[in-house]
Amino acid sequence: MRLPSVHQRKEWHRFFAGAIIGGFVSWAIFIYIHGELQEYQTKTLQFQKDQIQDLTNDIAIWQDEYTKINEQTEKDLLVEDIEVKILNAKKYGILALDSSLVAQDLVKEDLKPLLTKRVLTVYQNRDLVKRVIENKTVVINDRRYSFVVREMFMYTRVQITLELQLAS
């Protein structure tokens, strides 16, 4: 059995020519579609990069403004309340609440000028406040006591924790 010659039959020429032309056309269509999709993806990525950069800039601006507003607000905070606590009143036999309250009220009375002052100002003068408290002597049950400041927290409420000592 013999194979037919390719040169003699024109149908094979047309078939191969059609396959080659079809291959070129399909390859051109593939390259075109692939190029369009890549261009679309590139534009999308560039748009997203620009959008991310804009949002990052906006966040930086908002954070700067937020920080400035917080700093300004903290500068403008005022002392609204003073709280005094005495730790060792029982040690010296001061069991009556009235005696302990009298001592707390005396300290609060000395610190009343701090009310409605800026927290920053009070904080800067905390050593002076501490000395005022520690130099104070009170008489409870015919004994003289002085105070030692153990803790002092300052914000819109000034909280002071004191210990009693027998004054000399």
Protein backbone atom coordinates (compact mmCIF):
# COMPACT_ATOMS: atom_id res chain seq x y z
CA MET A 1 0.00 0.00 0.00
CA ARG A 2 1.36 3.32 -0.99
CA LEU A 3 0.74 6.75 0.65
CA PRO A 4 -0.63 9.34 -1.67
CA SER A 5 1.81 12.03 -2.59
CA VAL A 6 1.31 15.38 -0.95
CA HIS A 7 2.42 17.24 -3.99
CA GLN A 8 -0.16 15.74 -6.19
CA ARG A 9 -3.24 16.32 -4.05
CA LYS A 10 -4.31 19.96 -3.63
CA GLU A 11 -6.69 19.25 -0.71
CA TRP A 12 -3.71 18.60 1.57
CA HIS A 13 -2.15 21.89 0.48
CA ARG A 14 -5.33 23.74 1.38
CA PHE A 15 -5.62 21.88 4.70
CA PHE A 16 -2.06 22.72 5.80
CA ALA A 17 -2.37 26.29 4.54
CA GLY A 18 -5.64 26.69 6.48
CA ALA A 19 -4.10 25.21 9.61
CA ILE A 20 -1.12 27.57 9.41
CA ILE A 21 -3.30 30.62 8.73
CA GLY A 22 -5.71 29.55 11.49
CA GLY A 23 -2.78 29.16 13.88
CA PHE A 24 -1.54 32.67 13.07
CA VAL A 25 -5.03 34.17 13.40
CA SER A 26 -5.71 32.39 16.71
CA TRP A 27 -2.26 33.39 18.01
CA ALA A 28 -2.92 37.03 17.05
CA ILE A 29 -6.32 36.94 18.77
CA PHE A 30 -4.72 35.37 21.88
CA ILE A 31 -1.98 38.03 21.97
CA TYR A 32 -4.54 40.82 21.55
CA ILE A 33 -6.86 39.52 24.32
CA HIS A 34 -3.91 38.82 26.63
CA GLY A 35 -2.55 42.34 26.00
CA GLU A 36 -5.93 43.93 26.73
CA LEU A 37 -6.32 41.98 29.96
CA GLN A 38 -2.78 42.87 31.06
CA GLU A 39 -3.41 46.54 30.29
CA TYR A 40 -6.64 46.40 32.31
CA GLN A 41 -4.80 44.77 35.23
CA THR A 42 -2.01 47.35 35.04
CA LYS A 43 -4.52 50.22 35.08
CA THR A 44 -6.36 48.61 38.02
CA LEU A 45 -3.13 48.18 39.98
CA GLN A 46 -2.06 51.78 39.26
CA PHE A 47 -5.48 53.06 40.37
CA GLN A 48 -5.26 51.00 43.57
CA LYS A 49 -1.72 52.25 44.27
CA ASP A 50 -2.88 55.85 43.80
CA GLN A 51 -5.88 55.24 46.03
CA ILE A 52 -3.72 53.64 48.73
CA GLN A 53 -1.30 56.59 48.58
CA ASP A 54 -4.17 59.08 48.89
CA LEU A 55 -5.67 57.19 51.83
CA THR A 56 -2.28 56.92 53.51
CA ASN A 57 -1.85 60.68 53.17
CA ASP A 58 -5.35 61.23 54.57
CA ILE A 59 -4.58 58.96 57.53
CA ALA A 60 -1.38 60.88 58.25
CA ILE A 61 -3.26 64.19 58.15
CA TRP A 62 -6.00 62.84 60.44
CA GLN A 63 -3.47 61.44 62.89
CA ASP A 64 -1.61 64.76 63.05
CA GLU A 65 -4.83 66.66 63.67
CA TYR A 66 -5.96 64.09 66.25
CA THR A 67 -2.65 64.39 68.09
CA LYS A 68 -2.81 68.19 68.08
CA ILE A 69 -6.40 68.20 69.33
CA ASN A 70 -5.55 65.71 72.11
CA GLU A 71 -2.56 67.79 73.20
CA GLN A 72 -4.70 70.94 73.24
CA THR A 73 -7.44 69.15 75.18
CA GLU A 74 -4.98 67.87 77.76
CA LYS A 75 -3.57 71.37 78.18
CA ASP A 76 -7.06 72.68 78.81
CA LEU A 77 -8.08 70.04 81.38
CA LEU A 78 -8.96 71.43 84.79
CA VAL A 79 -8.81 69.90 88.26
CA GLU A 80 -12.40 69.13 89.21
CA ASP A 81 -12.06 67.24 92.49
CA ILE A 82 -9.58 66.53 95.26
CA GLU A 83 -9.65 63.19 97.06
CA VAL A 84 -7.60 62.58 100.23
CA LYS A 85 -7.15 59.17 101.81
CA ILE A 86 -5.37 58.43 105.11
CA LEU A 87 -3.92 54.92 105.31
CA ASN A 88 -2.84 54.31 108.89
CA ALA A 89 -5.47 56.05 111.02
CA LYS A 90 -6.20 52.85 112.95
CA LYS A 91 -2.56 52.51 113.95
CA TYR A 92 -2.77 55.65 116.08
CA GLY A 93 -6.14 54.79 117.54
CA ILE A 94 -8.10 57.19 115.38
CA LEU A 95 -11.10 54.95 114.97
CA ALA A 96 -13.79 57.54 114.87
CA LEU A 97 -14.68 58.48 111.34
CA ASP A 98 -15.18 62.06 112.41
CA SER A 99 -11.56 62.52 113.48
CA SER A 100 -10.26 60.98 110.28
CA LEU A 101 -12.68 63.06 108.21
CA VAL A 102 -11.57 66.22 110.02
CA ALA A 103 -7.97 65.53 109.05
CA GLN A 104 -8.96 64.85 105.45
CA ASP A 105 -11.07 68.00 105.34
CA LEU A 106 -8.19 70.09 106.69
CA VAL A 107 -5.91 68.84 103.92
CA LYS A 108 -8.63 69.40 101.32
CA GLU A 109 -9.14 72.94 102.62
CA ASP A 110 -5.44 73.69 102.08
CA LEU A 111 -5.64 72.31 98.55
CA LYS A 112 -8.83 74.12 97.50
CA PRO A 113 -6.91 76.71 95.47
CA LEU A 114 -5.99 73.84 93.11
CA LEU A 115 -9.62 73.45 92.02
CA THR A 116 -10.31 74.86 88.55
CA LYS A 117 -6.58 75.14 87.82
CA ARG A 118 -5.09 73.49 84.77
CA VAL A 119 -3.88 69.95 85.38
CA LEU A 120 -0.56 70.77 83.75
CA THR A 121 0.00 73.67 86.15
CA VAL A 122 -0.85 71.54 89.18
CA TYR A 123 1.45 68.78 87.94
CA GLN A 124 4.32 71.22 87.48
CA ASN A 125 3.82 72.40 91.08
CA ARG A 126 3.43 68.93 92.61
CA ASP A 127 6.50 69.36 94.83
CA LEU A 128 5.01 72.50 96.31
CA VAL A 129 1.72 70.68 96.93
CA LYS A 130 3.60 67.85 98.61
CA ARG A 131 5.50 70.27 100.88
CA VAL A 132 2.28 72.07 101.83
CA ILE A 133 0.74 68.79 102.94
CA GLU A 134 3.81 67.49 104.75
CA ASN A 135 4.35 70.76 106.65
CA LYS A 136 0.80 70.72 107.96
CA THR A 137 0.22 69.55 111.53
CA VAL A 138 -3.17 68.64 112.90
CA VAL A 139 -4.36 67.99 116.43
CA ILE A 140 -6.55 64.92 116.86
CA ASN A 141 -7.48 63.63 120.32
CA ASP A 142 -4.94 66.00 121.97
CA ARG A 143 -2.06 64.65 119.87
CA ARG A 144 -0.22 66.44 117.11
CA TYR A 145 0.19 64.61 113.81
CA SER A 146 1.94 65.41 110.58
CA PHE A 147 1.41 63.83 107.18
CA VAL A 148 3.66 61.91 104.80
CA VAL A 149 2.57 61.79 101.17
CA ARG A 150 2.77 58.21 99.85
CA GLU A 151 1.03 58.58 96.48
CA MET A 152 -0.22 61.47 94.42
CA PHE A 153 -2.16 61.03 91.17
CA MET A 154 -3.08 64.07 89.14
CA TYR A 155 -5.65 64.31 86.45
CA THR A 156 -9.07 65.92 86.54
CA ARG A 157 -9.24 64.39 90.01
CA VAL A 158 -6.26 64.81 92.31
CA GLN A 159 -5.92 61.71 94.50
CA ILE A 160 -3.55 61.90 97.45
CA THR A 161 -2.75 59.00 99.78
CA LEU A 162 -1.31 60.04 103.14
CA GLU A 163 0.13 58.41 106.23
CA LEU A 164 0.00 59.90 109.69
CA GLN A 165 3.08 60.45 111.85
CA LEU A 166 3.38 61.73 115.35
CA ALA A 167 4.67 65.29 115.14
CA SER A 168 7.68 66.11 117.25
